[in-house]
Amino acid sequence: MESKKETPFTLRPAGPDDAGTIATLIGELAVYERLAHEAAPDVDRLKRHLSPDASPRIEAILAEVDGEAVGFALFFQNYSTFLTRWGIYLEDIYVRPESRGKGIGKALLKRVAQIAVERECGRLEWSVLDWNESAIQFYRSLGAKPMDEWTTMRVTGEALQRLGS
């Protein structure tokens, strides 16, 4: 029986110059999540938001194989009033289909968790589409628990404009 050859990969913090690469990966993620009609990543905006001087700021980790980006994790700080501690919200994690099953997604998630621990965060949280059973099982295997008693609420577009005016 032939063993599966491991693909060597590296993780590195993304910076403003990686905005185009991240925008491409976001587009791929949107197609995977069946949400391409909602995606409109703006490279210039990403570049500004990834700047160390941005406030508020996003951060991202890129996974690369032979210098080519194959995945990313994008996150930002949030705050828990109950814990009175900072936390990290993982907005998106994505690995290209041909690079899945090689430990890259787990390594990205682990790196974000390490950052949360280093910063003494009270929690790391994210959302997952309810139809994405393979991702849900993967997250459960790492010790994540679903927050079934919570309903995510969102206001966008015209409704946001009305509410905010």
Protein backbone atom coordinates (compact mmCIF):
# COMPACT_ATOMS: atom_id res chain seq x y z
CA MET A 1 0.00 0.00 0.00
CA GLU A 2 1.36 3.38 -1.00
CA SER A 3 1.35 6.03 1.69
CA LYS A 4 0.05 9.50 0.94
CA LYS A 5 2.95 11.87 0.40
CA GLU A 6 2.82 14.91 2.62
CA THR A 7 2.88 18.27 0.90
CA PRO A 8 5.23 20.69 2.63
CA PHE A 9 3.60 24.06 3.26
CA THR A 10 4.38 27.23 5.14
CA LEU A 11 2.24 29.67 7.06
CA ARG A 12 2.99 33.35 7.21
CA PRO A 13 1.25 36.54 8.28
CA ALA A 14 -0.33 38.36 5.36
CA GLY A 15 0.35 42.01 4.77
CA PRO A 16 -1.10 44.75 2.60
CA ASP A 17 0.83 43.49 -0.44
CA ASP A 18 -1.09 40.19 -0.21
CA ALA A 19 -4.49 41.86 -0.70
CA GLY A 20 -4.82 40.73 -4.34
CA THR A 21 -4.05 37.12 -3.44
CA ILE A 22 -6.51 37.17 -0.56
CA ALA A 23 -9.20 38.72 -2.78
CA THR A 24 -8.73 35.85 -5.25
CA LEU A 25 -9.04 33.27 -2.45
CA ILE A 26 -12.13 35.06 -1.11
CA GLY A 27 -13.69 34.73 -4.56
CA GLU A 28 -12.95 30.99 -4.58
CA LEU A 29 -14.39 30.63 -1.07
CA ALA A 30 -17.57 32.43 -2.13
CA VAL A 31 -18.04 29.99 -5.01
CA TYR A 32 -17.45 27.03 -2.66
CA GLU A 33 -19.96 28.41 -0.15
CA ARG A 34 -22.52 29.02 -2.94
CA LEU A 35 -22.40 32.73 -2.15
CA ALA A 36 -20.58 34.16 -5.17
CA HIS A 37 -23.51 36.53 -5.73
CA GLU A 38 -22.72 38.17 -2.36
CA ALA A 39 -18.94 38.46 -2.76
CA ALA A 40 -17.33 41.68 -3.89
CA PRO A 41 -13.82 41.72 -2.39
CA ASP A 42 -12.13 45.09 -2.89
CA VAL A 43 -8.33 44.81 -3.14
CA ASP A 44 -7.68 48.43 -2.16
CA ARG A 45 -9.93 48.15 0.88
CA LEU A 46 -8.29 44.87 1.90
CA LYS A 47 -4.89 46.51 1.53
CA ARG A 48 -5.92 49.34 3.87
CA HIS A 49 -7.52 46.98 6.41
CA LEU A 50 -4.45 44.71 6.50
CA SER A 51 -2.16 47.63 7.30
CA PRO A 52 -0.61 47.43 10.78
CA ASP A 53 -1.79 51.05 11.28
CA ALA A 54 -5.43 50.36 10.37
CA SER A 55 -8.03 50.86 13.07
CA PRO A 56 -10.03 48.71 13.15
CA ARG A 57 -7.75 46.15 11.58
CA ILE A 58 -8.03 42.68 10.09
CA GLU A 59 -5.29 40.10 10.15
CA ALA A 60 -4.70 37.11 7.93
CA ILE A 61 -2.47 34.07 7.73
CA LEU A 62 -1.54 32.69 4.31
CA ALA A 63 -0.74 29.03 3.66
CA GLU A 64 1.68 28.50 0.80
CA VAL A 65 3.03 25.55 -1.15
CA ASP A 66 6.14 26.30 -3.19
CA GLY A 67 5.48 30.02 -2.74
CA GLU A 68 1.90 29.82 -4.06
CA ALA A 69 -1.02 30.66 -1.79
CA VAL A 70 -3.29 27.65 -1.23
CA GLY A 71 -5.31 28.91 1.72
CA PHE A 72 -5.90 31.62 4.24
CA ALA A 73 -7.45 32.47 7.58
CA LEU A 74 -8.78 36.00 8.09
CA PHE A 75 -9.64 37.24 11.58
CA PHE A 76 -10.09 40.26 13.82
CA GLN A 77 -10.41 41.05 17.50
CA ASN A 78 -13.77 41.17 19.23
CA TYR A 79 -14.75 41.63 22.86
CA SER A 80 -16.71 39.61 25.38
CA THR A 81 -18.61 41.69 27.90
CA PHE A 82 -19.33 38.54 29.94
CA LEU A 83 -15.62 37.65 30.16
CA THR A 84 -14.36 41.26 30.00
CA ARG A 85 -11.65 39.93 27.71
CA TRP A 86 -10.69 40.27 24.09
CA GLY A 87 -11.42 37.44 21.72
CA ILE A 88 -10.76 36.59 18.11
CA TYR A 89 -13.42 36.15 15.48
CA LEU A 90 -12.31 33.97 12.59
CA GLU A 91 -14.19 35.50 9.69
CA ASP A 92 -13.04 32.99 7.08
CA ILE A 93 -10.78 30.01 6.67
CA TYR A 94 -10.30 28.45 3.25
CA VAL A 95 -8.04 25.89 1.61
CA ARG A 96 -8.13 25.28 -2.13
CA PRO A 97 -9.73 21.91 -2.99
CA GLU A 98 -6.54 20.36 -4.37
CA SER A 99 -4.73 21.15 -1.10
CA ARG A 100 -7.35 19.82 1.32
CA GLY A 101 -6.71 16.79 3.51
CA LYS A 102 -3.04 17.68 4.00
CA GLY A 103 -3.25 19.38 7.38
CA ILE A 104 -3.27 22.93 6.03
CA GLY A 105 -6.70 23.89 7.38
CA LYS A 106 -5.85 22.48 10.78
CA ALA A 107 -2.53 24.34 10.78
CA LEU A 108 -4.27 27.63 9.89
CA LEU A 109 -6.84 27.17 12.65
CA LYS A 110 -4.14 26.14 15.12
CA ARG A 111 -2.10 29.26 14.29
CA VAL A 112 -5.09 31.54 14.90
CA ALA A 113 -5.71 29.71 18.20
CA GLN A 114 -2.04 30.23 19.15
CA ILE A 115 -2.44 33.95 18.50
CA ALA A 116 -5.55 33.98 20.70
CA VAL A 117 -3.63 32.25 23.51
CA GLU A 118 -0.63 34.59 23.11
CA ARG A 119 -2.98 37.57 23.43
CA GLU A 120 -4.75 36.06 26.45
CA CYS A 121 -8.08 36.04 24.62
CA GLY A 122 -11.12 34.57 26.30
CA ARG A 123 -12.37 32.81 23.17
CA LEU A 124 -11.98 32.07 19.50
CA GLU A 125 -15.20 31.82 17.55
CA TRP A 126 -16.47 31.55 13.98
CA SER A 127 -19.52 30.60 11.96
CA VAL A 128 -19.98 27.63 9.65
CA LEU A 129 -22.73 27.06 7.12
CA ASP A 130 -25.16 24.45 8.43
CA TRP A 131 -24.92 22.36 5.24
CA ASN A 132 -21.11 22.08 5.48
CA GLU A 133 -21.12 18.84 7.47
CA SER A 134 -17.48 17.98 6.71
CA ALA A 135 -16.35 21.32 8.18
CA ILE A 136 -18.63 20.90 11.20
CA GLN A 137 -17.18 17.45 11.90
CA PHE A 138 -13.65 18.78 11.42
CA TYR A 139 -14.27 21.61 13.91
CA ARG A 140 -15.88 19.24 16.42
CA SER A 141 -12.83 16.96 16.18
CA LEU A 142 -10.72 19.90 17.33
CA GLY A 143 -12.92 20.54 20.36
CA ALA A 144 -15.20 23.24 18.95
CA LYS A 145 -18.79 23.23 20.15
CA PRO A 146 -21.77 24.57 18.20
CA MET A 147 -23.65 27.46 19.77
CA ASP A 148 -27.05 26.11 18.80
CA GLU A 149 -28.89 28.31 21.28
CA TRP A 150 -27.71 31.45 19.45
CA THR A 151 -29.15 32.81 16.22
CA THR A 152 -26.92 34.98 14.07
CA MET A 153 -28.65 38.20 13.08
CA ARG A 154 -27.55 40.44 10.23
CA VAL A 155 -28.69 43.73 8.78
CA THR A 156 -27.28 44.83 5.41
CA GLY A 157 -28.01 46.98 2.38
CA GLU A 158 -31.11 49.15 2.46
CA ALA A 159 -32.17 47.85 5.87
CA LEU A 160 -28.80 48.89 7.33
CA GLN A 161 -29.11 52.31 5.70
CA ARG A 162 -32.61 52.78 7.15
CA LEU A 163 -31.54 51.62 10.61
CA GLY A 164 -28.45 53.81 10.60
CA SER A 165 -30.14 57.01 9.43
